[in-house]
C-alpha atoms as a PDB file:
ATOM      1  CA  MET A   1      -0.133  -0.138  -0.011  1.00  0.00           C
ATOM      2  CA  SER A   2       1.224   3.841  -0.884  1.00  0.00           C
ATOM      3  CA  VAL A   3       2.190   6.044   1.824  1.00  0.00           C
ATOM      4  CA  LEU A   4       0.682   9.463   1.597  1.00  0.00           C
ATOM      5  CA  VAL A   5       3.903  11.600   3.250  1.00  0.00           C
ATOM      6  CA  ASP A   6       2.540  14.681   5.442  1.00  0.00           C
ATOM      7  CA  SER A   7       5.005  17.680   5.360  1.00  0.00           C
ATOM      8  CA  SER A   8       6.073  17.224   8.888  1.00  0.00           C
ATOM      9  CA  VAL A   9       8.120  14.239   8.168  1.00  0.00           C
ATOM     10  CA  TRP A  10       9.064  15.529   4.775  1.00  0.00           C
ATOM     11  CA  ILE A  11      10.450  19.049   7.115  1.00  0.00           C
ATOM     12  CA  ASP A  12      12.026  16.701   9.514  1.00  0.00           C
ATOM     13  CA  TYR A  13      13.556  14.560   7.499  1.00  0.00           C
ATOM     14  CA  LEU A  14      14.525  17.711   5.173  1.00  0.00           C
ATOM     15  CA  ARG A  15      16.151  19.874   8.411  1.00  0.00           C
ATOM     16  CA  THR A  16      17.285  16.350  10.551  1.00  0.00           C
ATOM     17  CA  ALA A  17      17.375  13.769   8.784  1.00  0.00           C
ATOM     18  CA  SER A  18      14.758  12.502  11.392  1.00  0.00           C
ATOM     19  CA  TYR A  19      12.705   9.658   9.815  1.00  0.00           C
ATOM     20  CA  ALA A  20      15.249   8.960   6.955  1.00  0.00           C
ATOM     21  CA  ASP A  21      15.516   5.029   7.183  1.00  0.00           C
ATOM     22  CA  THR A  22      11.619   4.579   7.011  1.00  0.00           C
ATOM     23  CA  LEU A  23      11.729   7.713   4.035  1.00  0.00           C
ATOM     24  CA  ASP A  24      14.495   6.091   2.251  1.00  0.00           C
ATOM     25  CA  LEU A  25      13.252   3.064   2.557  1.00  0.00           C
ATOM     26  CA  LEU A  26       9.282   4.116   1.426  1.00  0.00           C
ATOM     27  CA  ILE A  27      11.731   6.037  -2.151  1.00  0.00           C
ATOM     28  CA  GLU A  28      13.233   2.800  -2.394  1.00  0.00           C
ATOM     29  CA  GLU A  29       9.994   1.221  -2.701  1.00  0.00           C
ATOM     30  CA  ASN A  30       8.420   3.655  -4.996  1.00  0.00           C
ATOM     31  CA  LEU A  31       5.600   3.878  -2.327  1.00  0.00           C
ATOM     32  CA  VAL A  32       5.779   7.839  -1.292  1.00  0.00           C
ATOM     33  CA  VAL A  33       2.410   9.570  -2.339  1.00  0.00           C
ATOM     34  CA  THR A  34       2.225  13.353  -2.045  1.00  0.00           C
ATOM     35  CA  ASN A  35      -0.846  15.784  -3.035  1.00  0.00           C
ATOM     36  CA  ASP A  36      -1.301  19.469  -3.895  1.00  0.00           C
ATOM     37  CA  LEU A  37      -1.516  20.472   0.024  1.00  0.00           C
ATOM     38  CA  ILE A  38       1.043  19.233   0.916  1.00  0.00           C
ATOM     39  CA  LEU A  39       3.538  20.117  -1.584  1.00  0.00           C
ATOM     40  CA  GLY A  40       1.969  24.045  -1.399  1.00  0.00           C
ATOM     41  CA  GLU A  41       3.509  23.903   1.982  1.00  0.00           C
ATOM     42  CA  LEU A  42       6.613  22.685   1.294  1.00  0.00           C
ATOM     43  CA  ILE A  43       7.398  23.940  -2.074  1.00  0.00           C
ATOM     44  CA  PRO A  44       7.449  27.468  -0.964  1.00  0.00           C
ATOM     45  CA  PRO A  45       9.609  27.767   1.582  1.00  0.00           C
ATOM     46  CA  LEU A  46      12.646  25.883  -0.668  1.00  0.00           C
ATOM     47  CA  GLU A  47      11.674  28.038  -3.408  1.00  0.00           C
ATOM     48  CA  VAL A  48      12.788  30.536  -1.345  1.00  0.00           C
ATOM     49  CA  GLN A  49      16.214  29.296  -0.171  1.00  0.00           C
ATOM     50  CA  LYS A  50      17.257  28.288  -3.401  1.00  0.00           C
ATOM     51  CA  LYS A  51      16.685  24.793  -3.807  1.00  0.00           C
ATOM     52  CA  LYS A  52      15.912  23.995  -6.860  1.00  0.00           C
ATOM     53  CA  THR A  53      16.815  20.511  -7.419  1.00  0.00           C
ATOM     54  CA  LEU A  54      14.569  19.561  -4.045  1.00  0.00           C
ATOM     55  CA  VAL A  55      11.785  21.308  -5.473  1.00  0.00           C
ATOM     56  CA  SER A  56      11.973  19.147  -9.041  1.00  0.00           C
ATOM     57  CA  LEU A  57      12.357  16.236  -6.713  1.00  0.00           C
ATOM     58  CA  LEU A  58       9.415  16.815  -4.620  1.00  0.00           C
ATOM     59  CA  ARG A  59       7.268  17.237  -8.022  1.00  0.00           C
ATOM     60  CA  GLU A  60       7.899  14.580  -8.924  1.00  0.00           C
ATOM     61  CA  VAL A  61       6.477  12.542  -6.337  1.00  0.00           C
ATOM     62  CA  LYS A  62       3.650  10.810  -7.312  1.00  0.00           C
ATOM     63  CA  ARG A  63       0.643  12.726  -6.508  1.00  0.00           C
ATOM     64  CA  GLN A  64      -2.887  11.519  -4.824  1.00  0.00           C
ATOM     65  CA  PRO A  65      -5.530  14.166  -6.933  1.00  0.00           C
ATOM     66  CA  MET A  66      -7.834  15.835  -4.695  1.00  0.00           C
ATOM     67  CA  ALA A  67     -11.733  15.358  -4.460  1.00  0.00           C
ATOM     68  CA  ILE A  68     -12.773  17.800  -1.456  1.00  0.00           C
ATOM     69  CA  ASP A  69     -15.441  16.484  -0.351  1.00  0.00           C
ATOM     70  CA  TRP A  70     -17.135  19.329   1.809  1.00  0.00           C
ATOM     71  CA  GLU A  71     -19.853  17.518   4.037  1.00  0.00           C
ATOM     72  CA  GLU A  72     -17.661  14.625   4.652  1.00  0.00           C
ATOM     73  CA  LEU A  73     -15.215  17.197   6.300  1.00  0.00           C
ATOM     74  CA  ILE A  74     -17.899  18.408   7.655  1.00  0.00           C
ATOM     75  CA  LYS A  75     -18.780  15.310   9.463  1.00  0.00           C
ATOM     76  CA  MET A  76     -15.375  13.953  10.264  1.00  0.00           C
ATOM     77  CA  GLN A  77     -14.956  17.595  12.015  1.00  0.00           C
ATOM     78  CA  THR A  78     -18.249  17.197  13.978  1.00  0.00           C
ATOM     79  CA  THR A  79     -16.290  13.679  15.120  1.00  0.00           C
ATOM     80  CA  CYS A  80     -13.302  14.737  16.174  1.00  0.00           C
ATOM     81  CA  LEU A  81     -15.212  17.669  18.316  1.00  0.00           C
ATOM     82  CA  SER A  82     -17.482  14.455  19.605  1.00  0.00           C
ATOM     83  CA  GLN A  83     -14.672  13.095  20.824  1.00  0.00           C
ATOM     84  CA  GLY A  84     -12.975  15.832  22.682  1.00  0.00           C
ATOM     85  CA  ILE A  85      -9.987  15.839  19.669  1.00  0.00           C
ATOM     86  CA  ASN A  86      -9.782  19.473  19.380  1.00  0.00           C
ATOM     87  CA  GLY A  87      -7.480  21.895  17.423  1.00  0.00           C
ATOM     88  CA  VAL A  88      -7.660  20.184  14.011  1.00  0.00           C
ATOM     89  CA  GLY A  89      -7.835  22.240  11.000  1.00  0.00           C
ATOM     90  CA  VAL A  90      -9.334  21.542   7.797  1.00  0.00           C
ATOM     91  CA  PRO A  91      -6.097  21.440   6.283  1.00  0.00           C
ATOM     92  CA  ASP A  92      -5.482  18.151   7.672  1.00  0.00           C
ATOM     93  CA  LEU A  93      -8.551  16.939   7.680  1.00  0.00           C
ATOM     94  CA  LEU A  94      -7.912  17.256   3.658  1.00  0.00           C
ATOM     95  CA  ILE A  95      -5.276  15.465   4.570  1.00  0.00           C
ATOM     96  CA  VAL A  96      -7.061  12.060   5.879  1.00  0.00           C
ATOM     97  CA  GLN A  97      -9.997  12.718   3.201  1.00  0.00           C
ATOM     98  CA  ASN A  98      -7.126  12.166   0.784  1.00  0.00           C
ATOM     99  CA  ALA A  99      -5.767   9.286   1.995  1.00  0.00           C
ATOM    100  CA  ILE A 100      -8.816   7.341   2.361  1.00  0.00           C
ATOM    101  CA  GLN A 101     -10.089   8.080  -0.898  1.00  0.00           C
ATOM    102  CA  GLY A 102      -6.548   6.662  -2.252  1.00  0.00           C
ATOM    103  CA  ASP A 103      -6.651   3.678  -0.025  1.00  0.00           C
ATOM    104  CA  LEU A 104      -3.079   5.385   1.680  1.00  0.00           C
ATOM    105  CA  LYS A 105      -1.428   4.854   4.297  1.00  0.00           C
ATOM    106  CA  LEU A 106      -0.824   8.152   6.354  1.00  0.00           C
ATOM    107  CA  LEU A 107       3.032   8.441   7.473  1.00  0.00           C
ATOM    108  CA  SER A 108       2.803  11.860   9.892  1.00  0.00           C
ATOM    109  CA  ARG A 109       4.825  13.357  13.100  1.00  0.00           C
ATOM    110  CA  ASP A 110       1.093  15.139  14.244  1.00  0.00           C
ATOM    111  CA  LYS A 111       0.358  12.657  16.986  1.00  0.00           C
ATOM    112  CA  HIS A 112      -3.453  14.374  16.428  1.00  0.00           C
ATOM    113  CA  PHE A 113      -3.672  11.618  13.614  1.00  0.00           C
ATOM    114  CA  SER A 114      -3.286   8.758  15.425  1.00  0.00           C
ATOM    115  CA  LEU A 115      -5.969  10.300  17.570  1.00  0.00           C
ATOM    116  CA  ILE A 116      -8.128  10.698  14.670  1.00  0.00           C
ATOM    117  CA  ALA A 117      -7.820   7.414  13.467  1.00  0.00           C
ATOM    118  CA  LYS A 118      -9.348   5.523  16.197  1.00  0.00           C
ATOM    119  CA  HIS A 119     -12.764   6.559  15.437  1.00  0.00           C
ATOM    120  CA  ILE A 120     -12.313   7.992  11.223  1.00  0.00           C
ATOM    121  CA  PRO A 121     -11.231   4.962   8.902  1.00  0.00           C
ATOM    122  CA  VAL A 122      -7.503   6.320   7.669  1.00  0.00           C
ATOM    123  CA  ALA A 123      -4.583   4.087   8.359  1.00  0.00           C
ATOM    124  CA  ILE A 124      -1.874   5.044   9.441  1.00  0.00           C
ATOM    125  CA  TYR A 125       1.774   4.233   8.698  1.00  0.00           C
ATOM    126  CA  SER A 126       3.895   2.769  11.119  1.00  0.00           C
END
């Protein structure tokens, strides 16, 4: 199963090489997937830093198309709130929705995704 790698993992990978073993393996196995939201978080600072090669490489990662279902997002946010999972923003819910739609596992440093997965059927990569 392919893995949607959240920007939090990419940022750590690029700054401190944490997640290096995991992400390197996923890259070697051609299992890494991204989406336009994640690229929208990653690419602008890299372009400002003039890291053109890195930007080019990120643009070559397979992209999962985003088909936003706003009613489903409202249901997911309602579920989160009713379960005491507060402070989850729409961008993170879009990432969850995208992973579910693409039948992808989600790799993230953000702990709230694991909490969400207890109530919403998103597969977390561990």
